[in-house]
Amino acid sequence: MKNTLIPLDMLYFDRARKLVSMQLNVPPCKADPCPSYPSGAPALYVLELPAGTASKLGLTVGEQMTIDGDVGTVR
């Protein structure tokens, strides 16, 4: 990932906020062009977390993302 200093777990979610794909332990990009890490299935959202977080949380494809509280207006 360009301009990122730490490895990431990239979690891809569909319109229904179902986890459809994961790219785990994606390294920071050290030189252009940076590699891409696409979803393995159609996705609308991506959540980037520090590498290892998905494993610590025991996440698996098919899980539902829930958001507690008011998300607010997207600008």
C-alpha atoms as a PDB file:
ATOM      1  CA  MET A   1       0.000   0.000   0.000  1.00  0.00           C
ATOM      2  CA  LYS A   2       1.452   3.337  -1.069  1.00  0.00           C
ATOM      3  CA  ASN A   3       2.041   5.930   1.673  1.00  0.00           C
ATOM      4  CA  THR A   4       1.342   3.334   4.377  1.00  0.00           C
ATOM      5  CA  LEU A   5       4.003   2.613   6.976  1.00  0.00           C
ATOM      6  CA  ILE A   6       2.678  -0.687   8.357  1.00  0.00           C
ATOM      7  CA  PRO A   7       1.376  -3.933   6.833  1.00  0.00           C
ATOM      8  CA  LEU A   8      -2.416  -4.101   6.584  1.00  0.00           C
ATOM      9  CA  ASP A   9      -5.287  -6.564   6.552  1.00  0.00           C
ATOM     10  CA  MET A  10      -7.738  -5.460   3.850  1.00  0.00           C
ATOM     11  CA  LEU A  11     -11.310  -6.660   4.365  1.00  0.00           C
ATOM     12  CA  TYR A  12     -13.749  -6.338   1.464  1.00  0.00           C
ATOM     13  CA  PHE A  13     -17.519  -6.130   2.027  1.00  0.00           C
ATOM     14  CA  ASP A  14     -20.463  -6.229  -0.362  1.00  0.00           C
ATOM     15  CA  ARG A  15     -23.496  -3.921  -0.396  1.00  0.00           C
ATOM     16  CA  ALA A  16     -25.099  -5.936   2.428  1.00  0.00           C
ATOM     17  CA  ARG A  17     -21.895  -5.486   4.499  1.00  0.00           C
ATOM     18  CA  LYS A  18     -21.046  -9.180   4.222  1.00  0.00           C
ATOM     19  CA  LEU A  19     -17.324  -9.988   4.247  1.00  0.00           C
ATOM     20  CA  VAL A  20     -16.625 -11.335   0.749  1.00  0.00           C
ATOM     21  CA  SER A  21     -12.821 -11.332   0.529  1.00  0.00           C
ATOM     22  CA  MET A  22      -9.673 -10.641   2.533  1.00  0.00           C
ATOM     23  CA  GLN A  23      -6.127  -9.668   1.622  1.00  0.00           C
ATOM     24  CA  LEU A  24      -4.033 -10.292   4.730  1.00  0.00           C
ATOM     25  CA  ASN A  25      -0.654  -8.869   5.739  1.00  0.00           C
ATOM     26  CA  VAL A  26      -0.406  -6.547   2.725  1.00  0.00           C
ATOM     27  CA  PRO A  27       3.061  -4.964   2.884  1.00  0.00           C
ATOM     28  CA  PRO A  28       3.787  -1.248   2.495  1.00  0.00           C
ATOM     29  CA  CYS A  29       4.791  -0.245  -1.028  1.00  0.00           C
ATOM     30  CA  LYS A  30       8.491   0.527  -1.284  1.00  0.00           C
ATOM     31  CA  ALA A  31       8.661   1.565  -4.964  1.00  0.00           C
ATOM     32  CA  ASP A  32       6.365   2.581  -7.814  1.00  0.00           C
ATOM     33  CA  PRO A  33       4.469   1.041  -9.364  1.00  0.00           C
ATOM     34  CA  CYS A  34       2.802  -0.434  -6.303  1.00  0.00           C
ATOM     35  CA  PRO A  35       1.094  -3.816  -6.645  1.00  0.00           C
ATOM     36  CA  SER A  36      -2.677  -3.928  -6.351  1.00  0.00           C
ATOM     37  CA  TYR A  37      -4.578  -6.121  -3.928  1.00  0.00           C
ATOM     38  CA  PRO A  38      -8.099  -6.471  -5.379  1.00  0.00           C
ATOM     39  CA  SER A  39     -11.038  -8.212  -3.801  1.00  0.00           C
ATOM     40  CA  GLY A  40     -11.589 -11.809  -4.847  1.00  0.00           C
ATOM     41  CA  ALA A  41     -15.331 -11.086  -5.159  1.00  0.00           C
ATOM     42  CA  PRO A  42     -17.472  -8.041  -6.004  1.00  0.00           C
ATOM     43  CA  ALA A  43     -17.209  -5.553  -3.132  1.00  0.00           C
ATOM     44  CA  LEU A  44     -18.417  -2.065  -2.303  1.00  0.00           C
ATOM     45  CA  TYR A  45     -16.470  -1.347   0.889  1.00  0.00           C
ATOM     46  CA  VAL A  46     -12.959  -2.009   2.160  1.00  0.00           C
ATOM     47  CA  LEU A  47     -11.832  -1.834   5.769  1.00  0.00           C
ATOM     48  CA  GLU A  48      -8.077  -1.569   6.354  1.00  0.00           C
ATOM     49  CA  LEU A  49      -6.741  -2.743   9.710  1.00  0.00           C
ATOM     50  CA  PRO A  50      -3.235  -3.337  11.089  1.00  0.00           C
ATOM     51  CA  ALA A  51      -1.916  -6.699   9.827  1.00  0.00           C
ATOM     52  CA  GLY A  52      -2.869  -9.595  12.057  1.00  0.00           C
ATOM     53  CA  THR A  53      -6.099  -8.012  13.301  1.00  0.00           C
ATOM     54  CA  ALA A  54      -8.392 -10.223  11.189  1.00  0.00           C
ATOM     55  CA  SER A  55      -6.710 -13.331  12.581  1.00  0.00           C
ATOM     56  CA  LYS A  56      -6.869 -12.061  16.171  1.00  0.00           C
ATOM     57  CA  LEU A  57     -10.598 -11.400  15.725  1.00  0.00           C
ATOM     58  CA  GLY A  58     -11.136 -14.794  14.043  1.00  0.00           C
ATOM     59  CA  LEU A  59     -12.785 -13.205  11.001  1.00  0.00           C
ATOM     60  CA  THR A  60     -13.918 -15.405   8.120  1.00  0.00           C
ATOM     61  CA  VAL A  61     -15.542 -14.744   4.766  1.00  0.00           C
ATOM     62  CA  GLY A  62     -19.324 -14.550   5.114  1.00  0.00           C
ATOM     63  CA  GLU A  63     -19.365 -12.629   8.377  1.00  0.00           C
ATOM     64  CA  GLN A  64     -21.558  -9.552   8.677  1.00  0.00           C
ATOM     65  CA  MET A  65     -20.119  -6.122   9.502  1.00  0.00           C
ATOM     66  CA  THR A  66     -22.220  -4.187  11.982  1.00  0.00           C
ATOM     67  CA  ILE A  67     -21.837  -0.539  12.860  1.00  0.00           C
ATOM     68  CA  ASP A  68     -22.995   0.634  16.257  1.00  0.00           C
ATOM     69  CA  GLY A  69     -24.061   4.228  16.791  1.00  0.00           C
ATOM     70  CA  ASP A  70     -24.676   7.037  14.328  1.00  0.00           C
ATOM     71  CA  VAL A  71     -22.473   6.796  11.256  1.00  0.00           C
ATOM     72  CA  GLY A  72     -23.206  10.396  10.296  1.00  0.00           C
ATOM     73  CA  THR A  73     -23.253  12.084   6.913  1.00  0.00           C
ATOM     74  CA  VAL A  74     -20.594  11.203   4.363  1.00  0.00           C
ATOM     75  CA  ARG A  75     -18.999  14.312   2.877  1.00  0.00           C
END
